[in-house]
Every structure is written in C-alpha cells, then in structure tokens.
Amino acid sequence: MRTKTLKQTSLFNELDDVVMTISWGEIAEYYFPDKSVTWFYNKLRGVDGNGGKGEFTLGEKIQLRNALFDFSERVRRTAENMIV
C-alpha cells in the first residue's frame, strides 16, 4: 500500500492502489450512464476536454464513492457465494 503525499494532482492518483485492477470504462458506463467514458477518464485525471483543469464536482465524487461501495459489495457477495 502506498503512503499519501501532501499534494495530489488528480483523483486518479488517489485511486492508484486499485486503478489497474478495476475496469474504469465499465464503472463509467454502469454508474455514469449519462456521461461518456472519455468524460469520466478526463475527470479521473483532473482535466477537462480541452486539457485544462476539470475535476469531479462534489456531487460526482459522492456518486463515484457510492459506485465503488456498490461495486465492492458486488465483489464481496460474489466471493461469498463461491463456496456455499
């Protein structure tokens, strides 16, 4: 597990412990169906479509947090049901 630095450049950096394990395109499509996958990846990286700064809003961060909670619960249930 990594240690946090004082300054994070984007939410993507905050997620580096799991970033390569999760299909973020699938998360975007399932939990943010009204947004494009490109929009989602840009937000994760802290940029807008024009290369400027463009982080998630507080509401979008809450939505992403709840999506990760839901996803983790789905993974947990799947693991529990493997051995019945």
PDB file of N, CA and C in Angstrom:
ATOM      1  N   MET A   1       0.844  -1.182   0.000  1.00  0.00           N
ATOM      2  CA  MET A   1       0.000   0.000   0.000  1.00  0.00           C
ATOM      3  C   MET A   1       0.883   1.237   0.000  1.00  0.00           C
ATOM      4  N   ARG A   2       0.483   2.249  -0.697  1.00  0.00           N
ATOM      5  CA  ARG A   2       1.275   3.465  -0.808  1.00  0.00           C
ATOM      6  C   ARG A   2       0.942   4.426   0.323  1.00  0.00           C
ATOM      7  N   THR A   3       1.821   5.366   0.559  1.00  0.00           N
ATOM      8  CA  THR A   3       1.543   6.428   1.514  1.00  0.00           C
ATOM      9  C   THR A   3       1.083   7.652   0.747  1.00  0.00           C
ATOM     10  N   LYS A   4       0.232   8.447   1.371  1.00  0.00           N
ATOM     11  CA  LYS A   4      -0.277   9.649   0.715  1.00  0.00           C
ATOM     12  C   LYS A   4       0.749  10.760   0.782  1.00  0.00           C
ATOM     13  N   THR A   5       0.830  11.520  -0.297  1.00  0.00           N
ATOM     14  CA  THR A   5       1.657  12.714  -0.294  1.00  0.00           C
ATOM     15  C   THR A   5       0.767  13.894   0.060  1.00  0.00           C
ATOM     16  N   LEU A   6       1.387  15.007   0.388  1.00  0.00           N
ATOM     17  CA  LEU A   6       0.612  16.180   0.781  1.00  0.00           C
ATOM     18  C   LEU A   6      -0.222  16.722  -0.363  1.00  0.00           C
ATOM     19  N   LYS A   7       0.320  16.717  -1.570  1.00  0.00           N
ATOM     20  CA  LYS A   7      -0.398  17.289  -2.701  1.00  0.00           C
ATOM     21  C   LYS A   7      -0.690  16.191  -3.724  1.00  0.00           C
ATOM     22  N   GLN A   8      -1.940  15.997  -4.059  1.00  0.00           N
ATOM     23  CA  GLN A   8      -2.342  15.043  -5.082  1.00  0.00           C
ATOM     24  C   GLN A   8      -2.679  15.822  -6.342  1.00  0.00           C
ATOM     25  N   THR A   9      -2.280  15.299  -7.493  1.00  0.00           N
ATOM     26  CA  THR A   9      -2.526  16.025  -8.726  1.00  0.00           C
ATOM     27  C   THR A   9      -3.888  15.705  -9.312  1.00  0.00           C
ATOM     28  N   SER A  10      -4.461  14.541  -8.984  1.00  0.00           N
ATOM     29  CA  SER A  10      -5.772  14.202  -9.502  1.00  0.00           C
ATOM     30  C   SER A  10      -6.355  13.055  -8.692  1.00  0.00           C
ATOM     31  N   LEU A  11      -7.654  12.849  -8.861  1.00  0.00           N
ATOM     32  CA  LEU A  11      -8.309  11.733  -8.194  1.00  0.00           C
ATOM     33  C   LEU A  11      -7.707  10.422  -8.667  1.00  0.00           C
ATOM     34  N   PHE A  12      -7.255  10.385  -9.905  1.00  0.00           N
ATOM     35  CA  PHE A  12      -6.605   9.195 -10.463  1.00  0.00           C
ATOM     36  C   PHE A  12      -5.445   8.761  -9.562  1.00  0.00           C
ATOM     37  N   ASN A  13      -4.678   9.715  -9.070  1.00  0.00           N
ATOM     38  CA  ASN A  13      -3.566   9.402  -8.165  1.00  0.00           C
ATOM     39  C   ASN A  13      -4.073   8.839  -6.842  1.00  0.00           C
ATOM     40  N   GLU A  14      -5.176   9.347  -6.367  1.00  0.00           N
ATOM     41  CA  GLU A  14      -5.763   8.845  -5.128  1.00  0.00           C
ATOM     42  C   GLU A  14      -6.164   7.376  -5.250  1.00  0.00           C
ATOM     43  N   LEU A  15      -6.499   6.959  -6.450  1.00  0.00           N
ATOM     44  CA  LEU A  15      -7.000   5.609  -6.694  1.00  0.00           C
ATOM     45  C   LEU A  15      -5.910   4.640  -7.124  1.00  0.00           C
ATOM     46  N   ASP A  16      -4.641   5.031  -7.031  1.00  0.00           N
ATOM     47  CA  ASP A  16      -3.598   4.205  -7.632  1.00  0.00           C
ATOM     48  C   ASP A  16      -3.462   2.825  -7.005  1.00  0.00           C
ATOM     49  N   ASP A  17      -3.986   2.608  -5.820  1.00  0.00           N
ATOM     50  CA  ASP A  17      -3.940   1.294  -5.199  1.00  0.00           C
ATOM     51  C   ASP A  17      -4.808   0.278  -5.946  1.00  0.00           C
ATOM     52  N   VAL A  18      -5.847   0.765  -6.626  1.00  0.00           N
ATOM     53  CA  VAL A  18      -6.767  -0.133  -7.330  1.00  0.00           C
ATOM     54  C   VAL A  18      -6.931   0.200  -8.801  1.00  0.00           C
ATOM     55  N   VAL A  19      -6.271   1.225  -9.254  1.00  0.00           N
ATOM     56  CA  VAL A  19      -6.545   1.749 -10.597  1.00  0.00           C
ATOM     57  C   VAL A  19      -6.320   0.721 -11.704  1.00  0.00           C
ATOM     58  N   MET A  20      -5.344  -0.152 -11.555  1.00  0.00           N
ATOM     59  CA  MET A  20      -5.077  -1.138 -12.594  1.00  0.00           C
ATOM     60  C   MET A  20      -5.940  -2.388 -12.450  1.00  0.00           C
ATOM     61  N   THR A  21      -6.676  -2.507 -11.368  1.00  0.00           N
ATOM     62  CA  THR A  21      -7.485  -3.689 -11.101  1.00  0.00           C
ATOM     63  C   THR A  21      -8.922  -3.527 -11.580  1.00  0.00           C
ATOM     64  N   ILE A  22      -9.391  -2.307 -11.608  1.00  0.00           N
ATOM     65  CA  ILE A  22     -10.783  -2.023 -11.932  1.00  0.00           C
ATOM     66  C   ILE A  22     -10.912  -1.572 -13.381  1.00  0.00           C
ATOM     67  N   SER A  23     -11.947  -2.033 -14.055  1.00  0.00           N
ATOM     68  CA  SER A  23     -12.245  -1.554 -15.401  1.00  0.00           C
ATOM     69  C   SER A  23     -13.019  -0.243 -15.263  1.00  0.00           C
ATOM     70  N   TRP A  24     -12.298   0.857 -15.375  1.00  0.00           N
ATOM     71  CA  TRP A  24     -12.911   2.166 -15.180  1.00  0.00           C
ATOM     72  C   TRP A  24     -13.905   2.493 -16.283  1.00  0.00           C
ATOM     73  N   GLY A  25     -13.684   1.957 -17.480  1.00  0.00           N
ATOM     74  CA  GLY A  25     -14.652   2.148 -18.559  1.00  0.00           C
ATOM     75  C   GLY A  25     -15.992   1.514 -18.199  1.00  0.00           C
ATOM     76  N   GLU A  26     -15.938   0.327 -17.588  1.00  0.00           N
ATOM     77  CA  GLU A  26     -17.168  -0.342 -17.142  1.00  0.00           C
ATOM     78  C   GLU A  26     -17.825   0.424 -16.001  1.00  0.00           C
ATOM     79  N   ILE A  27     -17.025   0.937 -15.077  1.00  0.00           N
ATOM     80  CA  ILE A  27     -17.566   1.752 -13.979  1.00  0.00           C
ATOM     81  C   ILE A  27     -18.265   2.974 -14.562  1.00  0.00           C
ATOM     82  N   ALA A  28     -17.616   3.624 -15.529  1.00  0.00           N
ATOM     83  CA  ALA A  28     -18.198   4.812 -16.152  1.00  0.00           C
ATOM     84  C   ALA A  28     -19.527   4.489 -16.817  1.00  0.00           C
ATOM     85  N   GLU A  29     -19.562   3.421 -17.602  1.00  0.00           N
ATOM     86  CA  GLU A  29     -20.787   3.072 -18.325  1.00  0.00           C
ATOM     87  C   GLU A  29     -21.911   2.647 -17.397  1.00  0.00           C
ATOM     88  N   TYR A  30     -21.593   1.910 -16.340  1.00  0.00           N
ATOM     89  CA  TYR A  30     -22.609   1.370 -15.437  1.00  0.00           C
ATOM     90  C   TYR A  30     -23.130   2.414 -14.459  1.00  0.00           C
ATOM     91  N   TYR A  31     -22.225   3.195 -13.884  1.00  0.00           N
ATOM     92  CA  TYR A  31     -22.607   4.124 -12.818  1.00  0.00           C
ATOM     93  C   TYR A  31     -22.758   5.578 -13.275  1.00  0.00           C
ATOM     94  N   PHE A  32     -22.261   5.903 -14.454  1.00  0.00           N
ATOM     95  CA  PHE A  32     -22.394   7.250 -15.014  1.00  0.00           C
ATOM     96  C   PHE A  32     -22.949   7.133 -16.436  1.00  0.00           C
ATOM     97  N   PRO A  33     -24.119   6.528 -16.597  1.00  0.00           N
ATOM     98  CA  PRO A  33     -24.624   6.233 -17.942  1.00  0.00           C
ATOM     99  C   PRO A  33     -24.919   7.465 -18.788  1.00  0.00           C
ATOM    100  N   ASP A  34     -25.086   8.610 -18.148  1.00  0.00           N
ATOM    101  CA  ASP A  34     -25.387   9.835 -18.892  1.00  0.00           C
ATOM    102  C   ASP A  34     -24.125  10.590 -19.325  1.00  0.00           C
ATOM    103  N   LYS A  35     -22.942  10.032 -19.007  1.00  0.00           N
ATOM    104  CA  LYS A  35     -21.674  10.667 -19.369  1.00  0.00           C
ATOM    105  C   LYS A  35     -20.877   9.722 -20.261  1.00  0.00           C
ATOM    106  N   SER A  36     -19.948  10.278 -21.025  1.00  0.00           N
ATOM    107  CA  SER A  36     -19.102   9.442 -21.875  1.00  0.00           C
ATOM    108  C   SER A  36     -17.940   8.872 -21.059  1.00  0.00           C
ATOM    109  N   VAL A  37     -17.393   7.787 -21.549  1.00  0.00           N
ATOM    110  CA  VAL A  37     -16.226   7.182 -20.900  1.00  0.00           C
ATOM    111  C   VAL A  37     -15.055   8.162 -20.951  1.00  0.00           C
ATOM    112  N   THR A  38     -14.918   8.886 -22.043  1.00  0.00           N
ATOM    113  CA  THR A  38     -13.850   9.890 -22.158  1.00  0.00           C
ATOM    114  C   THR A  38     -14.013  10.962 -21.094  1.00  0.00           C
ATOM    115  N   TRP A  39     -15.240  11.446 -20.891  1.00  0.00           N
ATOM    116  CA  TRP A  39     -15.502  12.429 -19.843  1.00  0.00           C
ATOM    117  C   TRP A  39     -15.044  11.887 -18.499  1.00  0.00           C
ATOM    118  N   PHE A  40     -15.389  10.634 -18.216  1.00  0.00           N
ATOM    119  CA  PHE A  40     -15.046  10.014 -16.939  1.00  0.00           C
ATOM    120  C   PHE A  40     -13.526   9.936 -16.755  1.00  0.00           C
ATOM    121  N   TYR A  41     -12.807   9.439 -17.766  1.00  0.00           N
ATOM    122  CA  TYR A  41     -11.342   9.343 -17.668  1.00  0.00           C
ATOM    123  C   TYR A  41     -10.706  10.720 -17.504  1.00  0.00           C
ATOM    124  N   ASN A  42     -11.211  11.708 -18.214  1.00  0.00           N
ATOM    125  CA  ASN A  42     -10.684  13.057 -18.042  1.00  0.00           C
ATOM    126  C   ASN A  42     -10.875  13.533 -16.615  1.00  0.00           C
ATOM    127  N   LYS A  43     -12.052  13.307 -16.050  1.00  0.00           N
ATOM    128  CA  LYS A  43     -12.312  13.706 -14.668  1.00  0.00           C
ATOM    129  C   LYS A  43     -11.371  12.979 -13.710  1.00  0.00           C
ATOM    130  N   LEU A  44     -11.146  11.681 -13.924  1.00  0.00           N
ATOM    131  CA  LEU A  44     -10.215  10.938 -13.071  1.00  0.00           C
ATOM    132  C   LEU A  44      -8.824  11.554 -13.105  1.00  0.00           C
ATOM    133  N   ARG A  45      -8.427  12.013 -14.265  1.00  0.00           N
ATOM    134  CA  ARG A  45      -7.095  12.598 -14.423  1.00  0.00           C
ATOM    135  C   ARG A  45      -7.049  14.082 -14.052  1.00  0.00           C
ATOM    136  N   GLY A  46      -8.203  14.653 -13.753  1.00  0.00           N
ATOM    137  CA  GLY A  46      -8.254  16.046 -13.331  1.00  0.00           C
ATOM    138  C   GLY A  46      -8.131  17.046 -14.456  1.00  0.00           C
ATOM    139  N   VAL A  47      -8.556  16.644 -15.659  1.00  0.00           N
ATOM    140  CA  VAL A  47      -8.511  17.571 -16.792  1.00  0.00           C
ATOM    141  C   VAL A  47      -9.888  17.675 -17.433  1.00  0.00           C
ATOM    142  N   ASP A  48     -10.096  18.753 -18.162  1.00  0.00           N
ATOM    143  CA  ASP A  48     -11.336  18.862 -18.932  1.00  0.00           C
ATOM    144  C   ASP A  48     -11.032  18.456 -20.371  1.00  0.00           C
ATOM    145  N   GLY A  49     -12.002  18.500 -21.224  1.00  0.00           N
ATOM    146  CA  GLY A  49     -11.829  18.082 -22.612  1.00  0.00           C
ATOM    147  C   GLY A  49     -10.850  18.919 -23.401  1.00  0.00           C
ATOM    148  N   ASN A  50     -10.507  20.098 -22.894  1.00  0.00           N
ATOM    149  CA  ASN A  50      -9.587  20.999 -23.600  1.00  0.00           C
ATOM    150  C   ASN A  50      -8.182  20.986 -23.009  1.00  0.00           C
ATOM    151  N   GLY A  51      -7.938  20.088 -22.057  1.00  0.00           N
ATOM    152  CA  GLY A  51      -6.612  19.997 -21.449  1.00  0.00           C
ATOM    153  C   GLY A  51      -6.418  20.847 -20.209  1.00  0.00           C
ATOM    154  N   GLY A  52      -7.432  21.621 -19.841  1.00  0.00           N
ATOM    155  CA  GLY A  52      -7.353  22.419 -18.616  1.00  0.00           C
ATOM    156  C   GLY A  52      -7.737  21.577 -17.407  1.00  0.00           C
ATOM    157  N   LYS A  53      -7.840  22.230 -16.264  1.00  0.00           N
ATOM    158  CA  LYS A  53      -8.255  21.528 -15.052  1.00  0.00           C
ATOM    159  C   LYS A  53      -9.740  21.215 -15.132  1.00  0.00           C
ATOM    160  N   GLY A  54     -10.120  20.038 -14.660  1.00  0.00           N
ATOM    161  CA  GLY A  54     -11.522  19.640 -14.717  1.00  0.00           C
ATOM    162  C   GLY A  54     -11.832  18.477 -13.808  1.00  0.00           C
ATOM    163  N   GLU A  55     -11.811  18.717 -12.523  1.00  0.00           N
ATOM    164  CA  GLU A  55     -12.050  17.658 -11.549  1.00  0.00           C
ATOM    165  C   GLU A  55     -13.533  17.344 -11.416  1.00  0.00           C
ATOM    166  N   PHE A  56     -13.831  16.229 -10.744  1.00  0.00           N
ATOM    167  CA  PHE A  56     -15.208  15.896 -10.405  1.00  0.00           C
ATOM    168  C   PHE A  56     -15.769  16.950  -9.458  1.00  0.00           C
ATOM    169  N   THR A  57     -17.043  17.233  -9.599  1.00  0.00           N
ATOM    170  CA  THR A  57     -17.720  18.089  -8.620  1.00  0.00           C
ATOM    171  C   THR A  57     -17.916  17.272  -7.346  1.00  0.00           C
ATOM    172  N   LEU A  58     -18.307  17.918  -6.276  1.00  0.00           N
ATOM    173  CA  LEU A  58     -18.573  17.202  -5.024  1.00  0.00           C
ATOM    174  C   LEU A  58     -19.649  16.144  -5.244  1.00  0.00           C
ATOM    175  N   GLY A  59     -20.707  16.487  -5.962  1.00  0.00           N
ATOM    176  CA  GLY A  59     -21.778  15.531  -6.237  1.00  0.00           C
ATOM    177  C   GLY A  59     -21.286  14.335  -7.039  1.00  0.00           C
ATOM    178  N   GLU A  60     -20.402  14.581  -8.007  1.00  0.00           N
ATOM    179  CA  GLU A  60     -19.847  13.491  -8.815  1.00  0.00           C
ATOM    180  C   GLU A  60     -18.911  12.611  -7.990  1.00  0.00           C
ATOM    181  N   LYS A  61     -18.162  13.232  -7.060  1.00  0.00           N
ATOM    182  CA  LYS A  61     -17.301  12.447  -6.172  1.00  0.00           C
ATOM    183  C   LYS A  61     -18.143  11.541  -5.277  1.00  0.00           C
ATOM    184  N   ILE A  62     -19.248  12.058  -4.788  1.00  0.00           N
ATOM    185  CA  ILE A  62     -20.147  11.253  -3.965  1.00  0.00           C
ATOM    186  C   ILE A  62     -20.717  10.107  -4.796  1.00  0.00           C
ATOM    187  N   GLN A  63     -21.095  10.400  -6.030  1.00  0.00           N
ATOM    188  CA  GLN A  63     -21.615   9.375  -6.933  1.00  0.00           C
ATOM    189  C   GLN A  63     -20.556   8.300  -7.181  1.00  0.00           C
ATOM    190  N   LEU A  64     -19.306   8.700  -7.407  1.00  0.00           N
ATOM    191  CA  LEU A  64     -18.229   7.739  -7.627  1.00  0.00           C
ATOM    192  C   LEU A  64     -17.961   6.932  -6.359  1.00  0.00           C
ATOM    193  N   ARG A  65     -17.944   7.585  -5.227  1.00  0.00           N
ATOM    194  CA  ARG A  65     -17.745   6.867  -3.958  1.00  0.00           C
ATOM    195  C   ARG A  65     -18.819   5.811  -3.776  1.00  0.00           C
ATOM    196  N   ASN A  66     -20.081   6.178  -4.016  1.00  0.00           N
ATOM    197  CA  ASN A  66     -21.170   5.212  -3.879  1.00  0.00           C
ATOM    198  C   ASN A  66     -21.061   4.092  -4.907  1.00  0.00           C
ATOM    199  N   ALA A  67     -20.580   4.415  -6.102  1.00  0.00           N
ATOM    200  CA  ALA A  67     -20.368   3.394  -7.129  1.00  0.00           C
ATOM    201  C   ALA A  67     -19.314   2.392  -6.664  1.00  0.00           C
ATOM    202  N   LEU A  68     -18.231   2.885  -6.080  1.00  0.00           N
ATOM    203  CA  LEU A  68     -17.184   1.985  -5.593  1.00  0.00           C
ATOM    204  C   LEU A  68     -17.669   1.148  -4.415  1.00  0.00           C
ATOM    205  N   PHE A  69     -18.482   1.740  -3.545  1.00  0.00           N
ATOM    206  CA  PHE A  69     -19.084   0.959  -2.456  1.00  0.00           C
ATOM    207  C   PHE A  69     -19.960  -0.151  -3.024  1.00  0.00           C
ATOM    208  N   ASP A  70     -20.796   0.178  -4.000  1.00  0.00           N
ATOM    209  CA  ASP A  70     -21.671  -0.811  -4.613  1.00  0.00           C
ATOM    210  C   ASP A  70     -20.859  -1.904  -5.300  1.00  0.00           C
ATOM    211  N   PHE A  71     -19.850  -1.496  -6.058  1.00  0.00           N
ATOM    212  CA  PHE A  71     -19.007  -2.457  -6.762  1.00  0.00           C
ATOM    213  C   PHE A  71     -18.306  -3.393  -5.772  1.00  0.00           C
ATOM    214  N   SER A  72     -17.777  -2.838  -4.698  1.00  0.00           N
ATOM    215  CA  SER A  72     -17.080  -3.673  -3.710  1.00  0.00           C
ATOM    216  C   SER A  72     -18.042  -4.647  -3.049  1.00  0.00           C
ATOM    217  N   GLU A  73     -19.263  -4.226  -2.823  1.00  0.00           N
ATOM    218  CA  GLU A  73     -20.274  -5.127  -2.247  1.00  0.00           C
ATOM    219  C   GLU A  73     -20.612  -6.246  -3.231  1.00  0.00           C
ATOM    220  N   ARG A  74     -20.699  -5.928  -4.506  1.00  0.00           N
ATOM    221  CA  ARG A  74     -20.970  -6.956  -5.521  1.00  0.00           C
ATOM    222  C   ARG A  74     -19.830  -7.966  -5.583  1.00  0.00           C
ATOM    223  N   VAL A  75     -18.588  -7.490  -5.483  1.00  0.00           N
ATOM    224  CA  VAL A  75     -17.434  -8.391  -5.476  1.00  0.00           C
ATOM    225  C   VAL A  75     -17.471  -9.267  -4.223  1.00  0.00           C
ATOM    226  N   ARG A  76     -17.752  -8.670  -3.074  1.00  0.00           N
ATOM    227  CA  ARG A  76     -17.819  -9.420  -1.820  1.00  0.00           C
ATOM    228  C   ARG A  76     -18.871 -10.516  -1.881  1.00  0.00           C
ATOM    229  N   ARG A  77     -20.075 -10.172  -2.377  1.00  0.00           N
ATOM    230  CA  ARG A  77     -21.157 -11.170  -2.495  1.00  0.00           C
ATOM    231  C   ARG A  77     -20.762 -12.309  -3.419  1.00  0.00           C
ATOM    232  N   THR A  78     -20.116 -11.960  -4.526  1.00  0.00           N
ATOM    233  CA  THR A  78     -19.667 -12.980  -5.468  1.00  0.00           C
ATOM    234  C   THR A  78     -18.671 -13.918  -4.800  1.00  0.00           C
ATOM    235  N   ALA A  79     -17.715 -13.363  -4.053  1.00  0.00           N
ATOM    236  CA  ALA A  79     -16.715 -14.174  -3.365  1.00  0.00           C
ATOM    237  C   ALA A  79     -17.366 -15.074  -2.314  1.00  0.00           C
ATOM    238  N   GLU A  80     -18.328 -14.531  -1.578  1.00  0.00           N
ATOM    239  CA  GLU A  80     -19.007 -15.334  -0.553  1.00  0.00           C
ATOM    240  C   GLU A  80     -19.780 -16.490  -1.157  1.00  0.00           C
ATOM    241  N   ASN A  81     -20.356 -16.279  -2.329  1.00  0.00           N
ATOM    242  CA  ASN A  81     -21.176 -17.312  -2.967  1.00  0.00           C
ATOM    243  C   ASN A  81     -20.350 -18.378  -3.689  1.00  0.00           C
ATOM    244  N   MET A  82     -19.051 -18.188  -3.764  1.00  0.00           N
ATOM    245  CA  MET A  82     -18.213 -19.180  -4.434  1.00  0.00           C
ATOM    246  C   MET A  82     -18.212 -20.508  -3.693  1.00  0.00           C
ATOM    247  N   ILE A  83     -18.263 -20.445  -2.379  1.00  0.00           N
ATOM    248  CA  ILE A  83     -18.272 -21.661  -1.557  1.00  0.00           C
ATOM    249  C   ILE A  83     -19.527 -21.621  -0.711  1.00  0.00           C
ATOM    250  N   VAL A  84     -20.458 -22.438  -1.094  1.00  0.00           N
ATOM    251  CA  VAL A  84     -21.754 -22.442  -0.409  1.00  0.00           C
ATOM    252  C   VAL A  84     -21.905 -23.700   0.402  1.00  0.00           C
TER     253      VAL A  84
END
